[in-house]
Amino acid sequence: MAETGVSPFELLPLHHVQLAIPRGGEDACRAFWRDVLGMRELEKPPVLAARGGCWFRGGALEVHLGVEEPFTPARKAHPGLLVTGLRAVAAALESSGHPVTWDDDFPGHDRFYAADPFGNRLEFLEPTG
């Protein structure tokens, strides 16, 4: 397949990113993903809602937060969230008590790292002009 450049399938943009949360973490997710980042909560199908967790959508990004026991935050693995208004995102996070760490080691992008309420690593990027 790769040698000829012809493939019987195509990889499309991500449908969603899933992050693990501890049992009972839904309210903290709402405070972070909905209230700080401005995402809209989605209704989960009943069979999946029974498992706990919650889903959010903002623009083309969908984030699923799923209960995992035992819970361990992802401190290295992370989604890279492409945004516009990166400094405004950083300000919203910092004013809500979520520190950001700027990193200028990614050519062509401004970026920072932050963590969700449970310590999962998040990367926020914006292309530079």
Protein backbone atom coordinates (compact mmCIF):
# COMPACT_ATOMS: atom_id res chain seq x y z
CA MET A 1 0.00 0.00 0.00
CA ALA A 2 2.51 2.63 1.09
CA GLU A 3 4.85 1.84 -1.79
CA THR A 4 2.29 2.62 -4.49
CA GLY A 5 0.61 5.55 -2.72
CA VAL A 6 -2.78 3.85 -3.14
CA SER A 7 -4.67 2.81 -0.05
CA PRO A 8 -8.07 1.12 0.37
CA PHE A 9 -8.83 3.40 3.35
CA GLU A 10 -8.44 6.99 4.48
CA LEU A 11 -7.67 8.36 7.95
CA LEU A 12 -10.05 11.20 8.82
CA PRO A 13 -9.85 13.84 11.57
CA LEU A 14 -10.48 12.48 15.05
CA HIS A 15 -14.06 11.92 16.12
CA HIS A 16 -13.17 12.47 19.78
CA VAL A 17 -10.49 12.27 22.42
CA GLN A 18 -11.14 10.26 25.58
CA LEU A 19 -9.55 11.04 28.92
CA ALA A 20 -9.90 9.05 32.11
CA ILE A 21 -11.46 10.51 35.25
CA PRO A 22 -12.05 9.09 38.72
CA ARG A 23 -15.53 7.93 39.72
CA GLY A 24 -17.63 10.91 40.79
CA GLY A 25 -15.56 13.42 38.81
CA GLU A 26 -18.36 14.61 36.52
CA ASP A 27 -19.01 17.90 38.36
CA ALA A 28 -15.32 18.82 38.21
CA CYS A 29 -15.39 18.01 34.47
CA ARG A 30 -18.36 20.33 33.98
CA ALA A 31 -16.61 23.11 35.90
CA PHE A 32 -13.52 22.71 33.69
CA TRP A 33 -14.70 21.74 30.19
CA ARG A 34 -18.03 23.62 30.21
CA ASP A 35 -17.48 26.57 32.53
CA VAL A 36 -13.80 27.39 31.88
CA LEU A 37 -13.34 26.21 28.28
CA GLY A 38 -16.89 26.99 27.09
CA MET A 39 -17.72 23.56 25.67
CA ARG A 40 -21.26 22.24 25.44
CA GLU A 41 -22.15 19.06 27.31
CA LEU A 42 -23.54 16.29 25.11
CA GLU A 43 -26.13 13.78 26.20
CA LYS A 44 -24.61 10.31 26.37
CA PRO A 45 -26.59 7.32 25.10
CA PRO A 46 -28.34 5.66 28.09
CA VAL A 47 -26.27 2.47 27.95
CA LEU A 48 -23.08 4.55 28.12
CA ALA A 49 -24.43 7.10 30.62
CA ALA A 50 -24.87 4.26 33.12
CA ARG A 51 -21.06 3.89 33.19
CA GLY A 52 -20.56 7.46 34.42
CA GLY A 53 -18.45 10.17 32.84
CA CYS A 54 -19.55 12.92 30.49
CA TRP A 55 -18.99 14.22 26.97
CA PHE A 56 -18.37 17.75 25.66
CA ARG A 57 -18.13 19.46 22.27
CA GLY A 58 -16.61 22.80 21.32
CA GLY A 59 -16.11 23.69 17.67
CA ALA A 60 -14.82 20.56 15.92
CA LEU A 61 -13.45 19.09 19.15
CA GLU A 62 -15.29 16.41 21.12
CA VAL A 63 -13.92 15.26 24.47
CA HIS A 64 -15.21 12.16 26.26
CA LEU A 65 -14.41 11.78 29.95
CA GLY A 66 -14.71 8.17 31.08
CA VAL A 67 -14.53 6.67 34.54
CA GLU A 68 -11.50 4.46 35.07
CA GLU A 69 -10.83 2.45 38.22
CA PRO A 70 -8.29 2.59 39.53
CA PHE A 71 -7.71 6.08 38.17
CA THR A 72 -4.24 7.30 37.23
CA PRO A 73 -3.86 10.63 35.41
CA ALA A 74 -2.09 10.72 32.05
CA ARG A 75 0.89 12.93 32.88
CA LYS A 76 2.82 12.40 29.62
CA ALA A 77 0.31 11.13 27.02
CA HIS A 78 -2.00 14.00 26.04
CA PRO A 79 -4.25 15.44 23.38
CA GLY A 80 -2.91 18.39 21.41
CA LEU A 81 -5.79 20.85 21.20
CA LEU A 82 -5.55 23.28 18.28
CA VAL A 83 -7.15 26.64 19.17
CA THR A 84 -7.46 30.24 18.13
CA GLY A 85 -6.98 32.87 20.81
CA LEU A 86 -4.35 30.86 22.68
CA ARG A 87 -3.56 33.66 25.14
CA ALA A 88 -7.26 34.03 25.98
CA VAL A 89 -7.45 30.28 26.66
CA ALA A 90 -4.42 30.58 28.94
CA ALA A 91 -5.97 33.53 30.76
CA ALA A 92 -9.26 31.64 31.26
CA LEU A 93 -7.42 28.65 32.67
CA GLU A 94 -5.17 30.68 34.95
CA SER A 95 -8.01 32.83 36.29
CA SER A 96 -9.82 29.60 37.20
CA GLY A 97 -6.87 28.22 39.14
CA HIS A 98 -5.38 26.02 36.39
CA PRO A 99 -1.74 27.04 35.84
CA VAL A 100 -0.24 26.90 32.36
CA THR A 101 3.35 26.19 31.34
CA TRP A 102 4.46 27.88 28.13
CA ASP A 103 6.76 25.96 25.79
CA ASP A 104 8.31 27.45 22.63
CA ASP A 105 9.93 24.25 21.35
CA PHE A 106 7.33 23.46 18.65
CA PRO A 107 8.20 25.29 15.41
CA GLY A 108 5.39 27.21 13.76
CA HIS A 109 3.18 27.21 16.86
CA ASP A 110 2.73 28.97 20.16
CA ARG A 111 1.80 26.47 22.84
CA PHE A 112 1.39 25.72 26.49
CA TYR A 113 0.60 22.78 28.72
CA ALA A 114 -2.03 22.64 31.43
CA ALA A 115 -3.81 19.91 33.36
CA ASP A 116 -7.45 19.08 33.86
CA PRO A 117 -8.78 18.91 37.45
CA PHE A 118 -7.46 15.34 37.79
CA GLY A 119 -3.92 15.90 36.52
CA ASN A 120 -4.38 14.73 32.91
CA ARG A 121 -1.92 16.63 30.69
CA LEU A 122 -3.37 18.88 27.97
CA GLU A 123 -1.47 20.69 25.23
CA PHE A 124 -2.96 23.82 23.65
CA LEU A 125 -1.47 25.04 20.34
CA GLU A 126 -2.02 27.91 17.94
CA PRO A 127 -0.21 28.27 14.59
CA THR A 128 1.99 31.36 14.34
CA GLY A 129 1.64 33.73 11.41
